[in-house]
Amino acid sequence: MAKRETKQSVIPVERIEKTIYLIRGHKVMLDTDLANLYAVETFNLNKAVKRNFERFPDDFMFQLTKEEWGSLKFQIGMSKPKGRGGRRTPPYAFTEQGVAMLSSVLKSKQAAMVNVEIMRAFVRLRRLLATHRDLARKLDTLEKKYDEQFKIVFDAIRELMTPSDPPKKRRIGFRARSDD
């Protein structure tokens, strides 16, 4: 059996990773992001899903609540798109299994190639999370093994492992001085 050549990525994995969110404890991608990656209209993607709704149980796909959608828009800094005023309903969120199922619903060559890259992004993300968990577990073991003298070192390492808050932005403009 001949070995297939691996082509260069259709879409950079980093671009895909930026569209994976953690919602309700699941790593998901939104219908709008998937539609952009597949080069189809969001309306058409959702229409194809609705035609095959039995293939998308709740653990494959769910619709965000208005509160979740509002919170997510705020977090990612999404503004209202141009045109007729944006979405009327909250987006659908697809888990990794839901994204895999999309390849059987969207039958274009582009969808198949993009799906491969999305699956690779999910696998890469899972590996990164596993590495982080392994590191934390090893640190716990070492901390229990050694006495209080290394507590400062372990605390410093833990502090480095936790993400820091983004730097505060300086206000634009000037302050008026009062000459009293």
Protein backbone atom coordinates (compact mmCIF):
# COMPACT_ATOMS: atom_id res chain seq x y z
CA MET A 1 0.00 0.00 0.00
CA ALA A 2 1.49 3.33 -1.04
CA LYS A 3 2.12 5.93 1.61
CA ARG A 4 0.16 9.13 1.14
CA GLU A 5 2.05 12.37 0.96
CA THR A 6 1.20 14.84 3.67
CA LYS A 7 0.47 18.18 2.16
CA GLN A 8 1.08 21.46 3.85
CA SER A 9 -1.83 22.56 6.03
CA VAL A 10 -4.79 24.17 4.32
CA ILE A 11 -5.29 26.36 7.39
CA PRO A 12 -2.67 27.07 10.05
CA VAL A 13 -3.34 25.11 13.26
CA GLU A 14 -2.83 28.30 15.28
CA ARG A 15 -5.76 29.93 13.46
CA ILE A 16 -7.96 26.95 14.31
CA GLU A 17 -6.81 26.87 17.94
CA LYS A 18 -7.90 30.49 18.38
CA THR A 19 -11.48 29.46 17.57
CA ILE A 20 -11.70 26.67 20.18
CA TYR A 21 -13.52 27.79 23.32
CA LEU A 22 -14.27 26.12 26.63
CA ILE A 23 -18.03 26.27 27.17
CA ARG A 24 -20.00 24.13 29.66
CA GLY A 25 -16.83 22.14 30.31
CA HIS A 26 -16.42 21.18 26.63
CA LYS A 27 -13.88 22.35 24.08
CA VAL A 28 -16.08 23.61 21.25
CA MET A 29 -16.06 25.55 18.00
CA LEU A 30 -18.85 27.93 17.02
CA ASP A 31 -20.87 27.57 13.85
CA THR A 32 -19.66 30.95 12.52
CA ASP A 33 -15.99 30.01 12.94
CA LEU A 34 -16.55 26.61 11.34
CA ALA A 35 -18.41 28.20 8.42
CA ASN A 36 -15.48 30.58 7.87
CA LEU A 37 -13.01 27.69 7.91
CA TYR A 38 -15.15 25.61 5.54
CA ALA A 39 -15.72 28.65 3.27
CA VAL A 40 -19.52 28.38 3.46
CA GLU A 41 -22.21 30.68 4.81
CA THR A 42 -23.19 30.05 8.44
CA PHE A 43 -26.81 29.78 7.31
CA ASN A 44 -25.93 26.95 4.89
CA LEU A 45 -23.84 25.10 7.49
CA ASN A 46 -26.71 25.23 10.00
CA LYS A 47 -29.22 24.21 7.32
CA ALA A 48 -27.13 21.10 6.51
CA VAL A 49 -26.95 20.28 10.22
CA LYS A 50 -30.71 20.69 10.67
CA ARG A 51 -31.34 18.35 7.72
CA ASN A 52 -29.24 15.74 9.56
CA PHE A 53 -30.22 16.66 13.12
CA GLU A 54 -30.26 13.02 14.32
CA ARG A 55 -26.48 12.87 13.73
CA PHE A 56 -25.88 15.66 16.28
CA PRO A 57 -26.93 14.65 19.81
CA ASP A 58 -26.42 17.06 22.71
CA ASP A 59 -22.87 15.87 23.40
CA PHE A 60 -21.93 16.66 19.76
CA MET A 61 -23.65 20.04 19.42
CA PHE A 62 -25.66 22.46 21.53
CA GLN A 63 -26.99 25.98 21.14
CA LEU A 64 -25.59 28.64 23.44
CA THR A 65 -27.99 30.45 25.75
CA LYS A 66 -28.41 34.18 25.27
CA GLU A 67 -26.40 34.75 28.46
CA GLU A 68 -23.53 32.51 27.28
CA TRP A 69 -23.52 34.22 23.89
CA GLY A 70 -23.50 37.67 25.47
CA SER A 71 -20.66 36.71 27.80
CA LEU A 72 -18.63 35.17 24.98
CA LYS A 73 -19.10 38.22 22.74
CA PHE A 74 -17.86 40.38 25.59
CA GLN A 75 -14.83 38.13 26.28
CA ILE A 76 -13.65 37.95 22.68
CA GLY A 77 -14.48 41.56 21.90
CA MET A 78 -16.91 40.81 19.10
CA SER A 79 -18.84 43.77 17.84
CA LYS A 80 -22.02 43.83 15.83
CA PRO A 81 -21.24 42.89 12.22
CA LYS A 82 -22.10 45.15 9.31
CA GLY A 83 -25.32 44.62 7.45
CA ARG A 84 -28.72 43.78 8.84
CA GLY A 85 -27.80 43.86 12.51
CA GLY A 86 -26.09 40.51 13.06
CA ARG A 87 -27.45 37.23 14.39
CA ARG A 88 -30.95 36.85 15.64
CA THR A 89 -30.24 33.65 17.57
CA PRO A 90 -27.28 32.43 19.62
CA PRO A 91 -24.78 30.25 17.74
CA TYR A 92 -24.41 26.50 17.84
CA ALA A 93 -21.33 25.06 19.54
CA PHE A 94 -19.82 21.85 18.14
CA THR A 95 -17.69 19.52 20.26
CA GLU A 96 -14.82 17.58 18.70
CA GLN A 97 -17.22 14.73 17.87
CA GLY A 98 -19.69 17.19 16.35
CA VAL A 99 -16.96 18.67 14.15
CA ALA A 100 -16.04 15.16 13.01
CA MET A 101 -19.69 14.49 12.17
CA LEU A 102 -19.79 17.68 10.08
CA SER A 103 -17.46 16.04 7.57
CA SER A 104 -20.19 13.51 6.77
CA VAL A 105 -22.76 16.28 6.33
CA LEU A 106 -20.63 18.77 4.38
CA LYS A 107 -19.30 16.68 1.53
CA SER A 108 -17.00 19.12 -0.23
CA LYS A 109 -13.28 18.51 -0.66
CA GLN A 110 -12.58 21.75 1.24
CA ALA A 111 -14.65 20.49 4.20
CA ALA A 112 -12.72 17.21 4.28
CA MET A 113 -9.32 18.95 4.21
CA VAL A 114 -10.32 21.50 6.85
CA ASN A 115 -11.74 18.75 9.07
CA VAL A 116 -8.37 16.99 9.09
CA GLU A 117 -6.70 20.19 10.29
CA ILE A 118 -9.37 20.79 12.95
CA MET A 119 -8.92 17.24 14.29
CA ARG A 120 -5.16 17.85 14.46
CA ALA A 121 -5.76 21.07 16.41
CA PHE A 122 -7.97 19.26 18.94
CA VAL A 123 -5.33 16.52 19.34
CA ARG A 124 -2.58 19.11 19.82
CA LEU A 125 -4.66 20.96 22.41
CA ARG A 126 -5.34 17.69 24.26
CA ARG A 127 -1.60 16.91 24.33
CA LEU A 128 -0.77 20.37 25.69
CA LEU A 129 -3.36 20.02 28.44
CA ALA A 130 -2.10 16.52 29.32
CA THR A 131 1.48 17.81 29.52
CA HIS A 132 0.38 20.60 31.86
CA ARG A 133 -1.53 18.13 34.07
CA ASP A 134 1.47 15.77 34.16
CA LEU A 135 3.75 18.62 35.18
CA ALA A 136 1.37 19.68 37.96
CA ARG A 137 1.10 16.07 39.19
CA LYS A 138 4.91 15.65 39.25
CA LEU A 139 5.24 18.92 41.12
CA ASP A 140 2.74 17.73 43.74
CA THR A 141 4.72 14.50 44.18
CA LEU A 142 8.00 16.37 44.59
CA GLU A 143 6.40 18.80 47.01
CA LYS A 144 5.18 15.97 49.23
CA LYS A 145 8.56 14.24 49.04
CA TYR A 146 10.67 17.19 50.15
CA ASP A 147 10.33 19.24 53.30
CA GLU A 148 9.52 22.86 54.01
CA GLN A 149 12.85 24.21 52.75
CA PHE A 150 11.74 23.78 49.13
CA LYS A 151 8.24 25.20 49.66
CA ILE A 152 9.37 28.61 48.39
CA VAL A 153 10.71 27.04 45.17
CA PHE A 154 7.51 25.05 44.58
CA ASP A 155 5.35 28.12 45.22
CA ALA A 156 7.42 30.11 42.73
CA ILE A 157 7.05 27.37 40.08
CA ARG A 158 3.28 27.20 40.65
CA GLU A 159 3.07 30.97 40.28
CA LEU A 160 4.90 30.73 36.94
CA MET A 161 2.51 27.99 35.77
CA THR A 162 -0.62 30.08 36.39
CA PRO A 163 -1.53 32.50 33.61
CA SER A 164 -1.06 36.12 34.51
CA ASP A 165 -3.66 38.84 34.13
CA PRO A 166 -3.29 40.93 31.00
CA PRO A 167 -1.52 44.24 31.62
CA LYS A 168 -3.80 47.16 32.39
CA LYS A 169 -4.15 49.58 29.53
CA ARG A 170 -3.27 53.17 30.14
CA ARG A 171 -5.99 55.71 29.64
CA ILE A 172 -5.76 57.75 26.49
CA GLY A 173 -5.93 61.50 26.82
CA PHE A 174 -4.69 64.00 29.33
CA ARG A 175 -5.56 65.18 32.79
CA ALA A 176 -6.45 68.78 33.33
CA ARG A 177 -4.40 70.36 36.06
CA SER A 178 -6.06 72.73 38.40
CA ASP A 179 -3.89 75.73 39.24
CA ASP A 180 -5.26 76.51 42.72
